[in-house]
Protein backbone atom coordinates (compact mmCIF):
# COMPACT_ATOMS: atom_id res chain seq x y z
CA UNK A 1 24.38 16.35 -1.94
CA UNK A 2 24.92 13.53 0.54
CA UNK A 3 23.83 9.92 0.15
CA UNK A 4 20.57 10.52 2.05
CA UNK A 5 19.02 11.81 -1.17
CA UNK A 6 18.71 10.70 -4.78
CA UNK A 7 18.14 13.01 -7.74
CA UNK A 8 15.85 12.26 -10.64
CA UNK A 9 15.76 14.21 -13.88
CA UNK A 10 12.46 14.72 -15.64
CA UNK A 11 13.39 15.21 -19.29
CA UNK A 12 11.86 17.70 -21.68
CA UNK A 13 9.65 14.93 -23.09
CA UNK A 14 7.47 13.76 -20.20
CA UNK A 15 6.07 10.34 -19.40
CA UNK A 16 2.51 11.04 -18.28
CA UNK A 17 0.14 8.60 -16.58
CA UNK A 18 -3.57 9.19 -17.18
CA UNK A 19 -5.99 7.54 -14.74
CA UNK A 20 -9.68 8.18 -14.11
CA UNK A 21 -12.45 6.53 -12.18
CA UNK A 22 -15.63 5.69 -14.09
CA UNK A 23 -17.41 8.90 -13.09
CA UNK A 24 -14.45 10.96 -14.34
CA UNK A 25 -13.58 9.22 -17.61
CA UNK A 26 -15.46 11.69 -19.80
CA UNK A 27 -13.65 14.58 -18.08
CA UNK A 28 -10.19 13.16 -18.68
CA UNK A 29 -10.97 12.19 -22.27
CA UNK A 30 -12.31 15.67 -23.02
CA UNK A 31 -9.31 17.27 -21.27
CA UNK A 32 -6.90 15.18 -23.35
CA UNK A 33 -8.80 16.11 -26.51
CA UNK A 34 -8.58 19.83 -25.66
CA UNK A 35 -4.86 19.49 -24.92
CA UNK A 36 -3.79 17.02 -27.58
CA UNK A 37 -1.46 19.54 -29.26
CA UNK A 38 0.62 19.57 -26.06
CA UNK A 39 0.14 15.92 -25.12
CA UNK A 40 1.19 14.63 -28.56
CA UNK A 41 4.77 15.65 -27.71
CA UNK A 42 4.92 13.36 -24.68
CA UNK A 43 4.66 9.66 -23.87
CA UNK A 44 1.24 8.74 -22.50
CA UNK A 45 0.10 5.70 -20.56
CA UNK A 46 -3.00 4.91 -18.58
CA UNK A 47 -5.14 2.31 -16.98
CA UNK A 48 -7.38 0.03 -19.08
CA UNK A 49 -10.54 1.69 -20.27
CA UNK A 50 -9.24 5.22 -19.66
CA UNK A 51 -6.28 4.67 -22.00
CA UNK A 52 -8.48 3.08 -24.66
CA UNK A 53 -11.07 5.87 -24.53
CA UNK A 54 -8.42 8.59 -24.76
CA UNK A 55 -6.74 6.91 -27.72
CA UNK A 56 -10.07 6.39 -29.54
CA UNK A 57 -11.36 9.94 -29.00
CA UNK A 58 -8.11 11.89 -29.50
CA UNK A 59 -5.99 9.71 -31.77
CA UNK A 60 -3.14 10.06 -29.27
CA UNK A 61 -1.05 6.95 -28.68
CA UNK A 62 -1.63 5.78 -25.10
CA UNK A 63 0.04 2.68 -23.66
CA UNK A 64 -2.67 0.80 -21.79
CA UNK A 65 -2.12 -1.13 -18.59
CA UNK A 66 -4.77 -3.22 -16.83
CA UNK A 67 -7.86 -1.55 -15.46
CA UNK A 68 -7.41 -0.18 -11.94
CA UNK A 69 -9.30 -2.92 -10.08
CA UNK A 70 -7.34 -5.57 -12.02
CA UNK A 71 -3.91 -4.23 -11.07
CA UNK A 72 -3.51 -1.22 -13.36
CA UNK A 73 -3.02 1.16 -10.43
CA UNK A 74 -0.23 -1.09 -9.17
CA UNK A 75 1.35 -1.28 -12.62
CA UNK A 76 1.42 2.53 -12.82
CA UNK A 77 2.85 2.66 -9.29
CA UNK A 78 5.63 0.25 -10.27
CA UNK A 79 6.50 2.47 -13.24
CA UNK A 80 6.74 5.46 -10.89
CA UNK A 81 9.15 3.51 -8.67
CA UNK A 82 11.21 2.58 -11.74
CA UNK A 83 11.42 6.26 -12.72
CA UNK A 84 9.39 5.70 -15.90
CA UNK A 85 6.54 8.08 -15.07
CA UNK A 86 7.20 11.79 -14.57
CA UNK A 87 3.75 12.96 -13.60
CA UNK A 88 0.22 11.76 -13.32
CA UNK A 89 -3.27 13.06 -13.93
CA UNK A 90 -5.54 10.96 -11.71
CA UNK A 91 -9.14 12.07 -11.68
CA UNK A 92 -10.68 10.10 -8.84
CA UNK A 93 -14.30 10.34 -7.89
CA UNK A 94 -14.66 11.74 -4.35
CA UNK A 95 -18.38 10.90 -4.28
CA UNK A 96 -18.13 7.23 -5.21
CA UNK A 97 -16.67 4.42 -3.07
CA UNK A 98 -14.12 2.37 -4.99
CA UNK A 99 -13.80 -1.39 -4.48
CA UNK A 100 -10.04 -1.11 -5.06
CA UNK A 101 -9.56 1.86 -2.70
CA UNK A 102 -6.40 0.39 -1.10
CA UNK A 103 -4.79 0.30 -4.57
CA UNK A 104 -5.79 3.91 -5.20
CA UNK A 105 -4.27 5.01 -1.89
CA UNK A 106 -1.11 3.02 -2.61
CA UNK A 107 -0.75 4.71 -6.01
CA UNK A 108 -1.21 8.18 -4.56
CA UNK A 109 1.21 7.35 -1.74
CA UNK A 110 3.95 6.14 -4.10
CA UNK A 111 3.54 9.30 -6.19
CA UNK A 112 4.23 11.37 -3.07
CA UNK A 113 7.15 9.15 -2.00
CA UNK A 114 8.81 9.64 -5.39
CA UNK A 115 7.84 13.33 -5.54
CA UNK A 116 6.10 13.29 -8.89
CA UNK A 117 3.53 15.96 -9.69
CA UNK A 118 -0.05 14.69 -9.45
CA UNK A 119 -3.22 16.42 -10.63
CA UNK A 120 -6.41 15.15 -9.04
CA UNK A 121 -8.67 17.66 -10.75
CA UNK A 122 -8.79 19.48 -14.08
CA UNK A 123 -7.70 22.85 -12.68
CA UNK A 124 -4.46 21.34 -11.38
CA UNK A 125 -3.97 19.40 -14.62
CA UNK A 126 -4.32 22.67 -16.56
CA UNK A 127 -1.80 24.40 -14.31
CA UNK A 128 0.67 21.53 -14.73
CA UNK A 129 0.28 21.46 -18.50
CA UNK A 130 0.85 25.22 -18.72
CA UNK A 131 3.87 25.16 -16.42
CA UNK A 132 7.22 26.21 -17.87
CA UNK A 133 8.49 22.75 -16.86
CA UNK A 134 6.37 21.11 -19.56
CA UNK A 135 8.86 22.32 -22.16
CA UNK A 136 12.08 21.93 -20.19
CA UNK A 137 13.75 19.46 -17.90
CA UNK A 138 13.23 19.45 -14.15
CA UNK A 139 15.35 17.91 -11.41
CA UNK A 140 13.72 16.57 -8.27
CA UNK A 141 15.33 15.17 -5.15
CA UNK A 142 13.85 12.40 -3.02
CA UNK A 143 14.92 10.66 0.11
CA UNK A 144 17.20 7.66 -0.46
CA UNK A 145 14.92 5.13 1.20
CA UNK A 146 17.44 2.31 0.81
CA UNK A 147 19.86 4.33 2.96
CA UNK A 148 17.13 5.23 5.45
CA UNK A 149 16.14 1.58 5.87
CA UNK A 150 19.78 0.48 6.23
CA UNK A 151 20.34 3.17 8.88
CA UNK A 152 17.30 1.88 10.79
CA UNK A 153 18.61 -1.68 10.61
CA UNK A 154 22.02 -0.55 11.87
CA UNK A 155 20.38 1.28 14.81
CA UNK A 156 18.62 -1.93 15.83
CA UNK A 157 21.87 -3.85 16.15
């Protein structure tokens, strides 16, 4: 592979971000409870109230970041950039305007940039959890954006 791309390895034990808007918190908590036998084998994190509710209802350890509107979405995004989150379940409410919508869009954008799997509904979350990749490693390749930016700078000279 040339230097235009960078490979990332998702290990057998996944780092999973769990995020849900207020209207979807019950859904994600119930989903985690139904799937706790699988989820207990992975590292879980989430935004504020979502992480707390999941931990309280399921007994699963969930590292909590700030709530979304207080920077939690950005904290999760930073962890994606650092390669510390392998996939994300983000149940956002399509029927409710969010005051921190730019943060939500930025989080979803960074997940695409770094090519991590994202479930935005329970059906996709179920498919991801039942994938053969949940119990084995997976290699993904993303564009080397540092190289791309440097190439653009060099073209401007």
